[in-house]
Amino acid sequence: MGRMKIKKKDVVEPFRETLAYRMMLLTGWILVFIFATYQFITAVRAGSTIGLIIAGALSAGAIFGVIYNAGRLKSAKIPPRTAKRLHRR
């Protein structure tokens, strides 16, 4: 059968520093913004002041989350193996 070769392992990067993690956060914040906007419109139609304030604050927080994570997405690390697969075409 022969001897088994030991493959060199790539350096494992923490998941929080990867592109996939940043994309998941960005998608989550976009969904929160859509939900907050819907609640804002519903509060306007119902004439609810408290609902308007809560939905407005949530919407503002979601926009901050989207902008922050979009900025951090630029510096997200792509593993060398994945980068090599992307440039094969």
PDB file of N, CA and C in Angstrom:
ATOM      1  N   MET A   1       0.813  -1.180   0.000  1.00  0.00           N
ATOM      2  CA  MET A   1       0.000   0.000   0.000  1.00  0.00           C
ATOM      3  C   MET A   1       0.867   1.260   0.000  1.00  0.00           C
ATOM      4  N   GLY A   2       1.986   1.263   0.617  1.00  0.00           N
ATOM      5  CA  GLY A   2       2.881   2.411   0.573  1.00  0.00           C
ATOM      6  C   GLY A   2       2.657   3.369   1.717  1.00  0.00           C
ATOM      7  N   ARG A   3       3.545   4.331   1.801  1.00  0.00           N
ATOM      8  CA  ARG A   3       3.440   5.322   2.864  1.00  0.00           C
ATOM      9  C   ARG A   3       2.494   6.441   2.456  1.00  0.00           C
ATOM     10  N   MET A   4       1.781   6.940   3.417  1.00  0.00           N
ATOM     11  CA  MET A   4       0.859   8.053   3.158  1.00  0.00           C
ATOM     12  C   MET A   4       1.644   9.360   3.213  1.00  0.00           C
ATOM     13  N   LYS A   5       1.374  10.241   2.266  1.00  0.00           N
ATOM     14  CA  LYS A   5       2.019  11.550   2.260  1.00  0.00           C
ATOM     15  C   LYS A   5       1.293  12.480   3.220  1.00  0.00           C
ATOM     16  N   ILE A   6       2.035  13.293   3.898  1.00  0.00           N
ATOM     17  CA  ILE A   6       1.453  14.297   4.766  1.00  0.00           C
ATOM     18  C   ILE A   6       1.378  15.594   3.968  1.00  0.00           C
ATOM     19  N   LYS A   7       0.155  16.051   3.775  1.00  0.00           N
ATOM     20  CA  LYS A   7      -0.033  17.285   3.017  1.00  0.00           C
ATOM     21  C   LYS A   7       0.216  18.482   3.913  1.00  0.00           C
ATOM     22  N   LYS A   8       0.761  19.517   3.306  1.00  0.00           N
ATOM     23  CA  LYS A   8       0.976  20.747   4.056  1.00  0.00           C
ATOM     24  C   LYS A   8      -0.372  21.438   4.251  1.00  0.00           C
ATOM     25  N   LYS A   9      -0.629  21.819   5.459  1.00  0.00           N
ATOM     26  CA  LYS A   9      -1.884  22.503   5.766  1.00  0.00           C
ATOM     27  C   LYS A   9      -1.685  24.009   5.627  1.00  0.00           C
ATOM     28  N   ASP A  10      -2.705  24.674   5.073  1.00  0.00           N
ATOM     29  CA  ASP A  10      -2.676  26.128   5.002  1.00  0.00           C
ATOM     30  C   ASP A  10      -2.895  26.693   6.397  1.00  0.00           C
ATOM     31  N   VAL A  11      -2.469  27.909   6.578  1.00  0.00           N
ATOM     32  CA  VAL A  11      -2.694  28.586   7.852  1.00  0.00           C
ATOM     33  C   VAL A  11      -4.190  28.836   7.987  1.00  0.00           C
ATOM     34  N   VAL A  12      -4.762  28.443   9.107  1.00  0.00           N
ATOM     35  CA  VAL A  12      -6.197  28.612   9.323  1.00  0.00           C
ATOM     36  C   VAL A  12      -6.455  30.034   9.813  1.00  0.00           C
ATOM     37  N   GLU A  13      -7.326  30.717   9.091  1.00  0.00           N
ATOM     38  CA  GLU A  13      -7.683  32.076   9.467  1.00  0.00           C
ATOM     39  C   GLU A  13      -8.941  32.043  10.319  1.00  0.00           C
ATOM     40  N   PRO A  14      -9.034  32.923  11.292  1.00  0.00           N
ATOM     41  CA  PRO A  14     -10.255  32.986  12.101  1.00  0.00           C
ATOM     42  C   PRO A  14     -11.456  33.322  11.216  1.00  0.00           C
ATOM     43  N   PHE A  15     -12.602  32.699  11.506  1.00  0.00           N
ATOM     44  CA  PHE A  15     -13.783  32.887  10.666  1.00  0.00           C
ATOM     45  C   PHE A  15     -14.244  34.340  10.649  1.00  0.00           C
ATOM     46  N   ARG A  16     -14.050  35.049  11.748  1.00  0.00           N
ATOM     47  CA  ARG A  16     -14.503  36.438  11.814  1.00  0.00           C
ATOM     48  C   ARG A  16     -13.714  37.366  10.903  1.00  0.00           C
ATOM     49  N   GLU A  17     -12.614  36.921  10.374  1.00  0.00           N
ATOM     50  CA  GLU A  17     -11.816  37.755   9.472  1.00  0.00           C
ATOM     51  C   GLU A  17     -12.005  37.376   8.006  1.00  0.00           C
ATOM     52  N   THR A  18     -12.889  36.448   7.718  1.00  0.00           N
ATOM     53  CA  THR A  18     -13.047  35.975   6.348  1.00  0.00           C
ATOM     54  C   THR A  18     -14.112  36.771   5.597  1.00  0.00           C
ATOM     55  N   LEU A  19     -14.095  36.623   4.296  1.00  0.00           N
ATOM     56  CA  LEU A  19     -15.049  37.297   3.427  1.00  0.00           C
ATOM     57  C   LEU A  19     -16.461  36.768   3.651  1.00  0.00           C
ATOM     58  N   ALA A  20     -16.593  35.468   3.890  1.00  0.00           N
ATOM     59  CA  ALA A  20     -17.915  34.872   4.088  1.00  0.00           C
ATOM     60  C   ALA A  20     -18.614  35.455   5.312  1.00  0.00           C
ATOM     61  N   TYR A  21     -17.875  35.651   6.385  1.00  0.00           N
ATOM     62  CA  TYR A  21     -18.448  36.207   7.611  1.00  0.00           C
ATOM     63  C   TYR A  21     -18.938  37.633   7.370  1.00  0.00           C
ATOM     64  N   ARG A  22     -18.134  38.427   6.705  1.00  0.00           N
ATOM     65  CA  ARG A  22     -18.519  39.809   6.428  1.00  0.00           C
ATOM     66  C   ARG A  22     -19.739  39.871   5.509  1.00  0.00           C
ATOM     67  N   MET A  23     -19.816  38.961   4.527  1.00  0.00           N
ATOM     68  CA  MET A  23     -20.971  38.934   3.639  1.00  0.00           C
ATOM     69  C   MET A  23     -22.242  38.539   4.397  1.00  0.00           C
ATOM     70  N   MET A  24     -22.110  37.599   5.331  1.00  0.00           N
ATOM     71  CA  MET A  24     -23.272  37.200   6.132  1.00  0.00           C
ATOM     72  C   MET A  24     -23.747  38.355   7.008  1.00  0.00           C
ATOM     73  N   LEU A  25     -22.823  39.076   7.614  1.00  0.00           N
ATOM     74  CA  LEU A  25     -23.208  40.236   8.423  1.00  0.00           C
ATOM     75  C   LEU A  25     -23.881  41.313   7.580  1.00  0.00           C
ATOM     76  N   LEU A  26     -23.339  41.566   6.415  1.00  0.00           N
ATOM     77  CA  LEU A  26     -23.910  42.578   5.537  1.00  0.00           C
ATOM     78  C   LEU A  26     -25.322  42.191   5.111  1.00  0.00           C
ATOM     79  N   THR A  27     -25.521  40.934   4.760  1.00  0.00           N
ATOM     80  CA  THR A  27     -26.848  40.451   4.373  1.00  0.00           C
ATOM     81  C   THR A  27     -27.827  40.574   5.538  1.00  0.00           C
ATOM     82  N   GLY A  28     -27.381  40.230   6.725  1.00  0.00           N
ATOM     83  CA  GLY A  28     -28.239  40.344   7.905  1.00  0.00           C
ATOM     84  C   GLY A  28     -28.669  41.775   8.169  1.00  0.00           C
ATOM     85  N   TRP A  29     -27.735  42.719   8.061  1.00  0.00           N
ATOM     86  CA  TRP A  29     -28.076  44.118   8.297  1.00  0.00           C
ATOM     87  C   TRP A  29     -29.008  44.661   7.216  1.00  0.00           C
ATOM     88  N   ILE A  30     -28.845  44.186   5.992  1.00  0.00           N
ATOM     89  CA  ILE A  30     -29.761  44.621   4.923  1.00  0.00           C
ATOM     90  C   ILE A  30     -31.166  44.120   5.211  1.00  0.00           C
ATOM     91  N   LEU A  31     -31.285  42.878   5.679  1.00  0.00           N
ATOM     92  CA  LEU A  31     -32.612  42.341   6.026  1.00  0.00           C
ATOM     93  C   LEU A  31     -33.229  43.104   7.201  1.00  0.00           C
ATOM     94  N   VAL A  32     -32.421  43.460   8.184  1.00  0.00           N
ATOM     95  CA  VAL A  32     -32.922  44.259   9.313  1.00  0.00           C
ATOM     96  C   VAL A  32     -33.405  45.616   8.818  1.00  0.00           C
ATOM     97  N   PHE A  33     -32.678  46.215   7.890  1.00  0.00           N
ATOM     98  CA  PHE A  33     -33.094  47.513   7.347  1.00  0.00           C
ATOM     99  C   PHE A  33     -34.423  47.400   6.603  1.00  0.00           C
ATOM    100  N   ILE A  34     -34.590  46.346   5.817  1.00  0.00           N
ATOM    101  CA  ILE A  34     -35.856  46.153   5.093  1.00  0.00           C
ATOM    102  C   ILE A  34     -37.009  46.000   6.076  1.00  0.00           C
ATOM    103  N   PHE A  35     -36.807  45.200   7.122  1.00  0.00           N
ATOM    104  CA  PHE A  35     -37.844  45.006   8.133  1.00  0.00           C
ATOM    105  C   PHE A  35     -38.158  46.319   8.848  1.00  0.00           C
ATOM    106  N   ALA A  36     -37.135  47.084   9.213  1.00  0.00           N
ATOM    107  CA  ALA A  36     -37.342  48.351   9.922  1.00  0.00           C
ATOM    108  C   ALA A  36     -38.075  49.357   9.038  1.00  0.00           C
ATOM    109  N   THR A  37     -37.765  49.369   7.759  1.00  0.00           N
ATOM    110  CA  THR A  37     -38.447  50.270   6.833  1.00  0.00           C
ATOM    111  C   THR A  37     -39.921  49.904   6.711  1.00  0.00           C
ATOM    112  N   TYR A  38     -40.196  48.610   6.659  1.00  0.00           N
ATOM    113  CA  TYR A  38     -41.598  48.156   6.614  1.00  0.00           C
ATOM    114  C   TYR A  38     -42.339  48.583   7.884  1.00  0.00           C
ATOM    115  N   GLN A  39     -41.707  48.409   9.029  1.00  0.00           N
ATOM    116  CA  GLN A  39     -42.333  48.807  10.294  1.00  0.00           C
ATOM    117  C   GLN A  39     -42.518  50.324  10.360  1.00  0.00           C
ATOM    118  N   PHE A  40     -41.583  51.078   9.798  1.00  0.00           N
ATOM    119  CA  PHE A  40     -41.685  52.524   9.765  1.00  0.00           C
ATOM    120  C   PHE A  40     -42.898  52.950   8.946  1.00  0.00           C
ATOM    121  N   ILE A  41     -43.069  52.344   7.778  1.00  0.00           N
ATOM    122  CA  ILE A  41     -44.217  52.672   6.917  1.00  0.00           C
ATOM    123  C   ILE A  41     -45.523  52.282   7.599  1.00  0.00           C
ATOM    124  N   THR A  42     -45.535  51.137   8.268  1.00  0.00           N
ATOM    125  CA  THR A  42     -46.730  50.699   8.982  1.00  0.00           C
ATOM    126  C   THR A  42     -47.065  51.656  10.122  1.00  0.00           C
ATOM    127  N   ALA A  43     -46.047  52.144  10.831  1.00  0.00           N
ATOM    128  CA  ALA A  43     -46.274  53.087  11.924  1.00  0.00           C
ATOM    129  C   ALA A  43     -46.788  54.424  11.411  1.00  0.00           C
ATOM    130  N   VAL A  44     -46.325  54.851  10.245  1.00  0.00           N
ATOM    131  CA  VAL A  44     -46.810  56.100   9.656  1.00  0.00           C
ATOM    132  C   VAL A  44     -48.284  55.970   9.308  1.00  0.00           C
ATOM    133  N   ARG A  45     -48.663  54.850   8.712  1.00  0.00           N
ATOM    134  CA  ARG A  45     -50.065  54.624   8.341  1.00  0.00           C
ATOM    135  C   ARG A  45     -50.966  54.546   9.565  1.00  0.00           C
ATOM    136  N   ALA A  46     -50.462  53.928  10.641  1.00  0.00           N
ATOM    137  CA  ALA A  46     -51.266  53.765  11.846  1.00  0.00           C
ATOM    138  C   ALA A  46     -51.254  55.018  12.715  1.00  0.00           C
ATOM    139  N   GLY A  47     -50.314  55.915  12.459  1.00  0.00           N
ATOM    140  CA  GLY A  47     -50.220  57.128  13.256  1.00  0.00           C
ATOM    141  C   GLY A  47     -49.621  56.881  14.632  1.00  0.00           C
ATOM    142  N   SER A  48     -48.803  55.883  14.766  1.00  0.00           N
ATOM    143  CA  SER A  48     -48.187  55.525  16.036  1.00  0.00           C
ATOM    144  C   SER A  48     -46.846  56.248  16.192  1.00  0.00           C
ATOM    145  N   THR A  49     -46.783  57.152  17.145  1.00  0.00           N
ATOM    146  CA  THR A  49     -45.560  57.922  17.362  1.00  0.00           C
ATOM    147  C   THR A  49     -44.447  57.050  17.940  1.00  0.00           C
ATOM    148  N   ILE A  50     -44.802  56.218  18.898  1.00  0.00           N
ATOM    149  CA  ILE A  50     -43.806  55.347  19.522  1.00  0.00           C
ATOM    150  C   ILE A  50     -43.251  54.352  18.494  1.00  0.00           C
ATOM    151  N   GLY A  51     -44.116  53.798  17.674  1.00  0.00           N
ATOM    152  CA  GLY A  51     -43.677  52.886  16.618  1.00  0.00           C
ATOM    153  C   GLY A  51     -42.758  53.570  15.626  1.00  0.00           C
ATOM    154  N   LEU A  52     -43.082  54.846  15.337  1.00  0.00           N
ATOM    155  CA  LEU A  52     -42.240  55.630  14.430  1.00  0.00           C
ATOM    156  C   LEU A  52     -40.843  55.823  15.004  1.00  0.00           C
ATOM    157  N   ILE A  53     -40.764  56.137  16.278  1.00  0.00           N
ATOM    158  CA  ILE A  53     -39.465  56.371  16.914  1.00  0.00           C
ATOM    159  C   ILE A  53     -38.648  55.086  16.953  1.00  0.00           C
ATOM    160  N   ILE A  54     -39.294  53.988  17.339  1.00  0.00           N
ATOM    161  CA  ILE A  54     -38.581  52.702  17.425  1.00  0.00           C
ATOM    162  C   ILE A  54     -38.106  52.254  16.047  1.00  0.00           C
ATOM    163  N   ALA A  55     -38.989  52.318  15.050  1.00  0.00           N
ATOM    164  CA  ALA A  55     -38.620  51.890  13.699  1.00  0.00           C
ATOM    165  C   ALA A  55     -37.550  52.809  13.107  1.00  0.00           C
ATOM    166  N   GLY A  56     -37.631  54.096  13.397  1.00  0.00           N
ATOM    167  CA  GLY A  56     -36.621  55.036  12.900  1.00  0.00           C
ATOM    168  C   GLY A  56     -35.255  54.766  13.508  1.00  0.00           C
ATOM    169  N   ALA A  57     -35.226  54.490  14.808  1.00  0.00           N
ATOM    170  CA  ALA A  57     -33.951  54.179  15.471  1.00  0.00           C
ATOM    171  C   ALA A  57     -33.370  52.872  14.949  1.00  0.00           C
ATOM    172  N   LEU A  58     -34.221  51.876  14.774  1.00  0.00           N
ATOM    173  CA  LEU A  58     -33.760  50.587  14.242  1.00  0.00           C
ATOM    174  C   LEU A  58     -33.250  50.741  12.814  1.00  0.00           C
ATOM    175  N   SER A  59     -33.940  51.532  12.038  1.00  0.00           N
ATOM    176  CA  SER A  59     -33.521  51.773  10.650  1.00  0.00           C
ATOM    177  C   SER A  59     -32.180  52.503  10.599  1.00  0.00           C
ATOM    178  N   ALA A  60     -31.998  53.490  11.466  1.00  0.00           N
ATOM    179  CA  ALA A  60     -30.727  54.223  11.512  1.00  0.00           C
ATOM    180  C   ALA A  60     -29.588  53.307  11.948  1.00  0.00           C
ATOM    181  N   GLY A  61     -29.851  52.457  12.922  1.00  0.00           N
ATOM    182  CA  GLY A  61     -28.842  51.490  13.364  1.00  0.00           C
ATOM    183  C   GLY A  61     -28.488  50.498  12.273  1.00  0.00           C
ATOM    184  N   ALA A  62     -29.501  50.078  11.509  1.00  0.00           N
ATOM    185  CA  ALA A  62     -29.259  49.132  10.425  1.00  0.00           C
ATOM    186  C   ALA A  62     -28.421  49.770   9.316  1.00  0.00           C
ATOM    187  N   ILE A  63     -28.694  51.028   9.011  1.00  0.00           N
ATOM    188  CA  ILE A  63     -27.889  51.730   7.999  1.00  0.00           C
ATOM    189  C   ILE A  63     -26.444  51.844   8.464  1.00  0.00           C
ATOM    190  N   PHE A  64     -26.236  52.149   9.752  1.00  0.00           N
ATOM    191  CA  PHE A  64     -24.882  52.207  10.293  1.00  0.00           C
ATOM    192  C   PHE A  64     -24.203  50.846  10.145  1.00  0.00           C
ATOM    193  N   GLY A  65     -24.936  49.757  10.444  1.00  0.00           N
ATOM    194  CA  GLY A  65     -24.379  48.406  10.315  1.00  0.00           C
ATOM    195  C   GLY A  65     -24.014  48.067   8.881  1.00  0.00           C
ATOM    196  N   VAL A  66     -24.836  48.460   7.945  1.00  0.00           N
ATOM    197  CA  VAL A  66     -24.556  48.199   6.527  1.00  0.00           C
ATOM    198  C   VAL A  66     -23.306  48.950   6.086  1.00  0.00           C
ATOM    199  N   ILE A  67     -23.222  50.228   6.427  1.00  0.00           N
ATOM    200  CA  ILE A  67     -22.075  51.037   6.014  1.00  0.00           C
ATOM    201  C   ILE A  67     -20.792  50.534   6.676  1.00  0.00           C
ATOM    202  N   TYR A  68     -20.862  50.208   7.963  1.00  0.00           N
ATOM    203  CA  TYR A  68     -19.684  49.724   8.688  1.00  0.00           C
ATOM    204  C   TYR A  68     -19.180  48.414   8.102  1.00  0.00           C
ATOM    205  N   ASN A  69     -20.088  47.465   7.860  1.00  0.00           N
ATOM    206  CA  ASN A  69     -19.663  46.166   7.342  1.00  0.00           C
ATOM    207  C   ASN A  69     -19.261  46.226   5.875  1.00  0.00           C
ATOM    208  N   ALA A  70     -19.827  47.155   5.115  1.00  0.00           N
ATOM    209  CA  ALA A  70     -19.393  47.317   3.728  1.00  0.00           C
ATOM    210  C   ALA A  70     -17.963  47.842   3.688  1.00  0.00           C
ATOM    211  N   GLY A  71     -17.636  48.715   4.617  1.00  0.00           N
ATOM    212  CA  GLY A  71     -16.269  49.219   4.698  1.00  0.00           C
ATOM    213  C   GLY A  71     -15.292  48.141   5.137  1.00  0.00           C
ATOM    214  N   ARG A  72     -15.700  47.319   6.081  1.00  0.00           N
ATOM    215  CA  ARG A  72     -14.838  46.239   6.571  1.00  0.00           C
ATOM    216  C   ARG A  72     -14.723  45.099   5.551  1.00  0.00           C
ATOM    217  N   LEU A  73     -15.672  45.036   4.628  1.00  0.00           N
ATOM    218  CA  LEU A  73     -15.657  43.984   3.599  1.00  0.00           C
ATOM    219  C   LEU A  73     -14.445  44.137   2.686  1.00  0.00           C
ATOM    220  N   LYS A  74     -13.988  45.362   2.489  1.00  0.00           N
ATOM    221  CA  LYS A  74     -12.820  45.608   1.641  1.00  0.00           C
ATOM    222  C   LYS A  74     -11.555  44.976   2.203  1.00  0.00           C
ATOM    223  N   SER A  75     -11.459  44.949   3.534  1.00  0.00           N
ATOM    224  CA  SER A  75     -10.244  44.419   4.153  1.00  0.00           C
ATOM    225  C   SER A  75     -10.379  42.960   4.581  1.00  0.00           C
ATOM    226  N   ALA A  76     -11.467  42.298   4.197  1.00  0.00           N
ATOM    227  CA  ALA A  76     -11.652  40.894   4.566  1.00  0.00           C
ATOM    228  C   ALA A  76     -10.636  40.030   3.838  1.00  0.00           C
ATOM    229  N   LYS A  77     -10.166  39.009   4.522  1.00  0.00           N
ATOM    230  CA  LYS A  77      -9.137  38.146   3.955  1.00  0.00           C
ATOM    231  C   LYS A  77      -9.756  37.016   3.141  1.00  0.00           C
ATOM    232  N   ILE A  78      -9.130  36.725   2.015  1.00  0.00           N
ATOM    233  CA  ILE A  78      -9.526  35.583   1.187  1.00  0.00           C
ATOM    234  C   ILE A  78      -8.388  34.584   1.279  1.00  0.00           C
ATOM    235  N   PRO A  79      -8.698  33.332   1.637  1.00  0.00           N
ATOM    236  CA  PRO A  79      -7.632  32.335   1.730  1.00  0.00           C
ATOM    237  C   PRO A  79      -6.905  32.186   0.393  1.00  0.00           C
ATOM    238  N   PRO A  80      -5.586  31.929   0.417  1.00  0.00           N
ATOM    239  CA  PRO A  80      -4.817  31.839  -0.831  1.00  0.00           C
ATOM    240  C   PRO A  80      -5.357  30.770  -1.782  1.00  0.00           C
ATOM    241  N   ARG A  81      -5.814  29.678  -1.234  1.00  0.00           N
ATOM    242  CA  ARG A  81      -6.353  28.591  -2.068  1.00  0.00           C
ATOM    243  C   ARG A  81      -7.601  29.049  -2.822  1.00  0.00           C
ATOM    244  N   THR A  82      -8.465  29.795  -2.144  1.00  0.00           N
ATOM    245  CA  THR A  82      -9.672  30.318  -2.785  1.00  0.00           C
ATOM    246  C   THR A  82      -9.316  31.369  -3.818  1.00  0.00           C
ATOM    247  N   ALA A  83      -8.358  32.213  -3.517  1.00  0.00           N
ATOM    248  CA  ALA A  83      -7.936  33.241  -4.471  1.00  0.00           C
ATOM    249  C   ALA A  83      -7.370  32.606  -5.734  1.00  0.00           C
ATOM    250  N   LYS A  84      -6.651  31.496  -5.561  1.00  0.00           N
ATOM    251  CA  LYS A  84      -6.087  30.807  -6.717  1.00  0.00           C
ATOM    252  C   LYS A  84      -7.214  30.225  -7.586  1.00  0.00           C
ATOM    253  N   ARG A  85      -8.260  29.693  -6.936  1.00  0.00           N
ATOM    254  CA  ARG A  85      -9.398  29.156  -7.688  1.00  0.00           C
ATOM    255  C   ARG A  85     -10.142  30.251  -8.432  1.00  0.00           C
ATOM    256  N   LEU A  86     -10.200  31.443  -7.872  1.00  0.00           N
ATOM    257  CA  LEU A  86     -10.901  32.542  -8.526  1.00  0.00           C
ATOM    258  C   LEU A  86     -10.180  33.017  -9.787  1.00  0.00           C
ATOM    259  N   HIS A  87      -8.876  32.892  -9.815  1.00  0.00           N
ATOM    260  CA  HIS A  87      -8.095  33.382 -10.956  1.00  0.00           C
ATOM    261  C   HIS A  87      -7.783  32.309 -11.992  1.00  0.00           C
ATOM    262  N   ARG A  88      -8.383  31.140 -11.903  1.00  0.00           N
ATOM    263  CA  ARG A  88      -8.085  30.039 -12.837  1.00  0.00           C
ATOM    264  C   ARG A  88      -8.658  30.258 -14.219  1.00  0.00           C
ATOM    265  N   ARG A  89      -9.702  31.006 -14.348  1.00  0.00           N
ATOM    266  CA  ARG A  89     -10.388  31.152 -15.640  1.00  0.00           C
ATOM    267  C   ARG A  89      -9.450  31.596 -16.660  1.00  0.00           C
TER     268      ARG A  89
END
